[in-house]
Amino acid sequence: MADSVPSIGRIVHYQSYGTPGGEHPSEPLAAIVTSVDDRGRVGLAVFYDNGISHKADVPYSWADEPEPGHWSWPPRV
């Protein structure tokens, strides 16, 4: 599914940065694609436990493990 092109309304994962001291680790969060540019970067509405955050110009994570600040397709379970 990594070869699929993102489109508005798709549900993806956004990998959070976590906190520098490690109080909150980097983790995958549910997000909805709100915009897509011609480079494949997306705008996201990211769902945190305490609210929603909007992110712009978010790149796709091509790494085997999700990279903080990137989006990826949710794994199939």
N, C-alpha and C. Protein backbone atom coordinates (compact mmCIF):
# COMPACT_ATOMS: atom_id res chain seq x y z
N MET A 1 0.82 -1.19 0.00
CA MET A 1 0.00 0.00 0.00
C MET A 1 0.86 1.26 0.00
N ALA A 2 2.15 1.12 0.27
CA ALA A 2 3.05 2.28 0.33
C ALA A 2 3.14 2.99 -1.01
N ASP A 3 2.81 2.32 -2.10
CA ASP A 3 2.89 2.94 -3.41
C ASP A 3 1.62 3.73 -3.75
N SER A 4 0.60 3.63 -2.92
CA SER A 4 -0.63 4.35 -3.19
C SER A 4 -0.43 5.85 -3.02
N VAL A 5 -1.13 6.60 -3.83
CA VAL A 5 -1.07 8.05 -3.76
C VAL A 5 -2.08 8.51 -2.71
N PRO A 6 -1.67 9.41 -1.80
CA PRO A 6 -2.62 9.89 -0.81
C PRO A 6 -3.70 10.76 -1.45
N SER A 7 -4.86 10.78 -0.87
CA SER A 7 -5.94 11.64 -1.35
C SER A 7 -6.69 12.21 -0.15
N ILE A 8 -7.36 13.32 -0.38
CA ILE A 8 -8.08 14.00 0.69
C ILE A 8 -9.14 13.08 1.27
N GLY A 9 -9.17 13.03 2.60
CA GLY A 9 -10.13 12.20 3.31
C GLY A 9 -9.61 10.85 3.75
N ARG A 10 -8.43 10.44 3.25
CA ARG A 10 -7.87 9.14 3.65
C ARG A 10 -7.37 9.21 5.09
N ILE A 11 -7.49 8.11 5.80
CA ILE A 11 -6.96 8.00 7.15
C ILE A 11 -5.55 7.45 7.07
N VAL A 12 -4.62 8.13 7.75
CA VAL A 12 -3.22 7.74 7.76
C VAL A 12 -2.70 7.83 9.19
N HIS A 13 -1.45 7.46 9.39
CA HIS A 13 -0.78 7.66 10.67
C HIS A 13 0.17 8.83 10.56
N TYR A 14 0.25 9.63 11.62
CA TYR A 14 1.25 10.67 11.76
C TYR A 14 2.12 10.26 12.94
N GLN A 15 3.44 10.20 12.75
CA GLN A 15 4.35 9.81 13.83
C GLN A 15 4.75 11.06 14.60
N SER A 16 4.33 11.14 15.86
CA SER A 16 4.63 12.32 16.68
C SER A 16 6.12 12.37 16.99
N TYR A 17 6.57 13.56 17.39
CA TYR A 17 7.98 13.75 17.76
C TYR A 17 8.27 13.25 19.16
N GLY A 18 7.31 13.28 20.05
CA GLY A 18 7.57 12.97 21.45
C GLY A 18 8.24 14.19 22.10
N THR A 19 8.59 14.06 23.37
CA THR A 19 9.23 15.16 24.08
C THR A 19 10.72 14.87 24.24
N PRO A 20 11.54 15.92 24.27
CA PRO A 20 12.99 15.73 24.37
C PRO A 20 13.41 14.91 25.59
N GLY A 21 12.73 15.06 26.71
CA GLY A 21 13.08 14.32 27.92
C GLY A 21 12.52 12.91 27.96
N GLY A 22 11.72 12.54 26.97
CA GLY A 22 11.16 11.20 26.90
C GLY A 22 9.90 10.99 27.72
N GLU A 23 9.35 12.08 28.31
CA GLU A 23 8.12 11.92 29.08
C GLU A 23 7.00 11.37 28.20
N HIS A 24 6.98 11.82 26.95
CA HIS A 24 6.02 11.34 25.97
C HIS A 24 6.81 10.81 24.78
N PRO A 25 6.78 9.50 24.54
CA PRO A 25 7.56 8.94 23.42
C PRO A 25 6.91 9.26 22.07
N SER A 26 7.69 9.14 21.02
CA SER A 26 7.16 9.25 19.67
C SER A 26 6.18 8.10 19.47
N GLU A 27 5.01 8.40 18.89
CA GLU A 27 4.00 7.36 18.70
C GLU A 27 3.17 7.66 17.46
N PRO A 28 2.57 6.62 16.86
CA PRO A 28 1.69 6.87 15.72
C PRO A 28 0.34 7.39 16.20
N LEU A 29 -0.17 8.39 15.48
CA LEU A 29 -1.46 8.98 15.80
C LEU A 29 -2.35 8.94 14.57
N ALA A 30 -3.64 8.78 14.78
CA ALA A 30 -4.60 8.80 13.67
C ALA A 30 -4.65 10.20 13.08
N ALA A 31 -4.74 10.28 11.76
CA ALA A 31 -4.81 11.57 11.07
C ALA A 31 -5.64 11.41 9.81
N ILE A 32 -6.24 12.51 9.38
CA ILE A 32 -6.99 12.55 8.13
C ILE A 32 -6.28 13.51 7.18
N VAL A 33 -6.10 13.08 5.94
CA VAL A 33 -5.46 13.91 4.93
C VAL A 33 -6.42 15.04 4.55
N THR A 34 -5.94 16.29 4.67
CA THR A 34 -6.77 17.45 4.35
C THR A 34 -6.34 18.15 3.07
N SER A 35 -5.10 17.88 2.62
CA SER A 35 -4.62 18.45 1.36
C SER A 35 -3.44 17.61 0.87
N VAL A 36 -3.21 17.65 -0.44
CA VAL A 36 -2.09 16.93 -1.06
C VAL A 36 -1.47 17.86 -2.08
N ASP A 37 -0.13 17.96 -2.09
CA ASP A 37 0.52 18.79 -3.11
C ASP A 37 1.12 17.91 -4.19
N ASP A 38 1.71 18.52 -5.19
CA ASP A 38 2.24 17.76 -6.33
C ASP A 38 3.51 16.99 -6.00
N ARG A 39 4.06 17.17 -4.79
CA ARG A 39 5.24 16.41 -4.36
C ARG A 39 4.85 15.22 -3.49
N GLY A 40 3.56 15.05 -3.22
CA GLY A 40 3.11 13.96 -2.37
C GLY A 40 3.11 14.31 -0.89
N ARG A 41 3.45 15.55 -0.57
CA ARG A 41 3.37 15.98 0.82
C ARG A 41 1.91 16.33 1.13
N VAL A 42 1.54 16.13 2.39
CA VAL A 42 0.14 16.27 2.74
C VAL A 42 -0.07 17.27 3.88
N GLY A 43 -1.28 17.77 3.97
CA GLY A 43 -1.76 18.48 5.15
C GLY A 43 -2.58 17.48 5.94
N LEU A 44 -2.47 17.53 7.25
CA LEU A 44 -3.15 16.56 8.09
C LEU A 44 -3.92 17.22 9.22
N ALA A 45 -5.03 16.61 9.60
CA ALA A 45 -5.70 16.88 10.88
C ALA A 45 -5.32 15.70 11.75
N VAL A 46 -4.50 15.94 12.77
CA VAL A 46 -3.96 14.88 13.62
C VAL A 46 -4.75 14.83 14.92
N PHE A 47 -5.14 13.64 15.31
CA PHE A 47 -5.97 13.45 16.50
C PHE A 47 -5.12 13.01 17.70
N TYR A 48 -5.01 13.91 18.68
CA TYR A 48 -4.33 13.63 19.95
C TYR A 48 -5.40 13.31 20.99
N ASP A 49 -4.99 12.75 22.12
CA ASP A 49 -5.95 12.46 23.19
C ASP A 49 -6.65 13.72 23.68
N ASN A 50 -5.96 14.86 23.61
CA ASN A 50 -6.52 16.10 24.16
C ASN A 50 -6.96 17.10 23.09
N GLY A 51 -7.06 16.68 21.83
CA GLY A 51 -7.53 17.59 20.79
C GLY A 51 -6.95 17.28 19.42
N ILE A 52 -7.19 18.19 18.50
CA ILE A 52 -6.77 18.03 17.11
C ILE A 52 -5.71 19.08 16.78
N SER A 53 -4.72 18.69 16.02
CA SER A 53 -3.68 19.62 15.56
C SER A 53 -3.61 19.53 14.04
N HIS A 54 -3.38 20.66 13.41
CA HIS A 54 -3.27 20.68 11.95
C HIS A 54 -1.80 20.82 11.56
N LYS A 55 -1.35 19.95 10.69
CA LYS A 55 0.04 19.95 10.21
C LYS A 55 0.03 20.20 8.71
N ALA A 56 1.02 20.96 8.23
CA ALA A 56 1.13 21.25 6.80
C ALA A 56 2.46 20.71 6.27
N ASP A 57 2.48 20.38 4.98
CA ASP A 57 3.71 19.99 4.29
C ASP A 57 4.40 18.79 4.94
N VAL A 58 3.63 17.77 5.28
CA VAL A 58 4.14 16.59 5.97
C VAL A 58 4.62 15.57 4.94
N PRO A 59 5.89 15.13 5.03
CA PRO A 59 6.40 14.15 4.07
C PRO A 59 6.02 12.72 4.44
N TYR A 60 6.08 11.84 3.45
CA TYR A 60 5.83 10.42 3.65
C TYR A 60 7.08 9.76 4.23
N SER A 61 6.92 8.79 5.10
CA SER A 61 8.04 8.04 5.67
C SER A 61 8.33 6.82 4.81
N TRP A 62 9.47 6.84 4.14
CA TRP A 62 9.89 5.70 3.33
C TRP A 62 10.69 4.69 4.13
N ALA A 63 11.01 4.99 5.38
CA ALA A 63 11.81 4.11 6.23
C ALA A 63 11.00 2.89 6.66
N ASP A 64 11.72 1.85 7.07
CA ASP A 64 11.05 0.64 7.56
C ASP A 64 10.26 0.94 8.84
N GLU A 65 10.79 1.81 9.67
CA GLU A 65 10.11 2.25 10.89
C GLU A 65 9.63 3.68 10.68
N PRO A 66 8.43 4.02 11.14
CA PRO A 66 7.93 5.40 10.96
C PRO A 66 8.89 6.43 11.55
N GLU A 67 9.04 7.54 10.86
CA GLU A 67 9.93 8.62 11.29
C GLU A 67 9.11 9.74 11.91
N PRO A 68 9.57 10.29 13.05
CA PRO A 68 8.84 11.41 13.65
C PRO A 68 8.66 12.56 12.65
N GLY A 69 7.45 13.13 12.67
CA GLY A 69 7.14 14.24 11.78
C GLY A 69 6.76 13.83 10.38
N HIS A 70 6.56 12.54 10.14
CA HIS A 70 6.19 12.00 8.83
C HIS A 70 4.86 11.28 8.92
N TRP A 71 4.24 11.05 7.76
CA TRP A 71 3.02 10.26 7.72
C TRP A 71 3.33 8.91 7.07
N SER A 72 2.48 7.92 7.36
CA SER A 72 2.61 6.59 6.75
C SER A 72 1.21 5.95 6.71
N TRP A 73 1.12 4.90 5.93
CA TRP A 73 -0.15 4.15 5.87
C TRP A 73 -0.24 3.28 7.12
N PRO A 74 -1.42 3.15 7.73
CA PRO A 74 -1.57 2.27 8.88
C PRO A 74 -1.29 0.82 8.47
N PRO A 75 -0.66 0.05 9.35
CA PRO A 75 -0.42 -1.35 9.01
C PRO A 75 -1.75 -2.11 9.00
N ARG A 76 -1.81 -3.13 8.19
CA ARG A 76 -2.99 -3.99 8.19
C ARG A 76 -2.84 -4.98 9.33
N VAL A 77 -3.90 -5.11 10.10
CA VAL A 77 -3.86 -5.99 11.27
C VAL A 77 -4.85 -7.12 11.08
